[in-house]
Protein backbone atom coordinates (compact mmCIF):
# COMPACT_ATOMS: atom_id res chain seq x y z
CA MET A 1 13.71 -21.32 -15.62
CA VAL A 2 10.52 -20.57 -13.79
CA VAL A 3 8.41 -17.58 -14.82
CA VAL A 4 5.51 -16.44 -12.43
CA GLY A 5 2.47 -14.87 -14.21
CA ARG A 6 -1.23 -14.76 -14.78
CA ALA A 7 -3.44 -16.62 -16.99
CA GLY A 8 -6.53 -15.01 -18.44
CA PRO A 9 -7.33 -11.27 -18.53
CA CYS A 10 -4.74 -9.44 -16.63
CA GLU A 11 -6.34 -6.05 -16.22
CA ARG A 12 -5.98 -4.64 -12.96
CA GLY A 13 -4.62 -7.87 -11.17
CA ARG A 14 -7.45 -10.02 -12.55
CA GLY A 15 -7.02 -13.65 -13.68
CA THR A 16 -5.74 -16.90 -12.07
CA PRO A 17 -2.17 -16.67 -10.67
CA THR A 18 -0.07 -19.39 -12.41
CA ARG A 19 3.29 -20.80 -12.61
CA TRP A 20 5.02 -21.59 -15.86
CA VAL A 21 7.49 -24.43 -15.24
CA ARG A 22 9.35 -25.43 -18.40
CA GLY A 23 6.42 -24.99 -20.67
CA SER A 24 3.76 -26.24 -18.54
CA VAL A 25 1.17 -23.94 -16.81
CA VAL A 26 0.18 -25.06 -13.20
CA PRO A 27 -2.59 -23.16 -11.57
CA VAL A 28 -1.49 -21.64 -8.17
CA LEU A 29 -4.98 -20.71 -6.87
CA ASN A 30 -8.62 -22.00 -7.47
CA ARG A 31 -11.79 -20.33 -6.64
CA LEU A 32 -14.15 -22.09 -4.60
CA ASP A 33 -17.96 -21.16 -4.00
CA LEU A 34 -18.66 -21.88 -0.36
CA ARG A 35 -21.69 -19.65 -0.15
CA SER A 36 -24.03 -22.67 0.24
CA VAL A 37 -21.80 -24.10 3.11
CA HIS A 38 -23.30 -23.59 6.70
CA GLY A 39 -20.80 -24.16 9.49
CA PRO A 40 -17.08 -25.02 9.17
CA VAL A 41 -15.70 -24.75 5.76
CA GLY A 42 -12.67 -26.82 6.48
CA PRO A 43 -14.16 -29.99 5.53
CA HIS A 44 -15.14 -28.60 2.12
CA LEU A 45 -11.52 -27.48 1.14
CA PRO A 46 -9.37 -29.47 -0.98
CA ARG A 47 -6.32 -30.68 0.69
CA PRO A 48 -2.92 -31.13 -1.34
CA THR A 49 -1.10 -34.39 -0.80
CA ASP A 50 1.75 -32.60 0.86
CA ALA A 51 0.67 -29.16 2.03
CA HIS A 52 4.28 -27.74 2.33
CA ASP A 53 6.01 -28.75 -0.78
CA ALA A 54 4.39 -26.53 -3.33
CA PRO A 55 4.81 -23.15 -1.41
CA LEU A 56 8.34 -24.14 -0.42
CA GLU A 57 9.26 -25.05 -4.05
CA THR A 58 7.83 -21.81 -5.27
CA VAL A 59 10.05 -19.83 -2.55
CA ARG A 60 13.08 -21.91 -3.68
CA GLU A 61 12.42 -21.12 -7.25
CA ILE A 62 12.17 -17.32 -6.63
CA LEU A 63 15.24 -17.40 -4.45
CA HIS A 64 17.28 -19.17 -7.25
CA LEU A 65 16.02 -16.61 -9.71
CA VAL A 66 17.20 -13.61 -7.44
CA ARG A 67 20.41 -15.36 -6.81
CA THR A 68 21.15 -16.00 -10.40
CA HIS A 69 19.37 -12.83 -12.08
CA GLY A 70 19.60 -10.24 -9.13
CA ASP A 71 17.12 -7.40 -9.00
CA ALA A 72 15.61 -8.09 -12.38
CA ALA A 73 14.17 -11.50 -11.00
CA ILE A 74 12.27 -9.58 -8.19
CA ARG A 75 10.13 -8.10 -10.77
CA LEU A 76 8.80 -11.47 -12.15
CA PRO A 77 7.19 -12.71 -9.10
CA THR A 78 6.04 -9.15 -8.21
CA ASP A 79 4.23 -8.91 -11.60
CA GLY A 80 2.98 -12.43 -11.43
CA PHE A 81 1.67 -12.55 -7.83
CA ASP A 82 0.68 -8.93 -7.31
CA GLY A 83 -0.05 -7.87 -10.98
CA VAL A 84 2.23 -4.81 -10.33
CA THR A 85 5.17 -3.75 -12.59
CA ARG A 86 7.66 -1.33 -11.14
CA GLU A 87 10.29 0.37 -12.85
CA SER A 88 12.24 0.92 -9.57
CA LEU A 89 12.44 -1.37 -6.64
CA ARG A 90 13.10 1.40 -4.47
CA VAL A 91 9.93 2.86 -2.53
CA SER A 92 10.12 6.55 -2.15
CA GLU A 93 9.37 8.35 1.12
CA GLU A 94 6.32 9.75 -0.33
CA GLU A 95 5.04 6.23 -1.24
CA ILE A 96 5.65 5.01 2.33
CA ALA A 97 3.85 7.99 3.72
CA GLN A 98 0.90 7.30 1.30
CA ALA A 99 0.79 3.76 2.40
CA CYS A 100 0.85 4.76 6.12
CA ASP A 101 -1.95 7.24 5.71
CA ALA A 102 -4.02 4.65 3.91
CA THR A 103 -3.95 2.35 6.88
């Protein structure tokens, strides 16, 4: 079973997103300080050995959770990736209107 969560302080979405895979913690994001870089930053970015495997595997794990656990599984990645915990997955018309007004 895969659980998506955050490592470190979780106040208001802070902390480093991580994936817990069978007892091991794998960081999902790393912060890079590129303020001293002038020009293209691409050459300074770390490259994974296979750029497509990690995101695809994460999506596959989330889909597997949803297929096996239904709506309850959607709450795990929402909390882990977005730092948001919702009681209901239904978005009210008022919430939609507020989101539209904010853009």
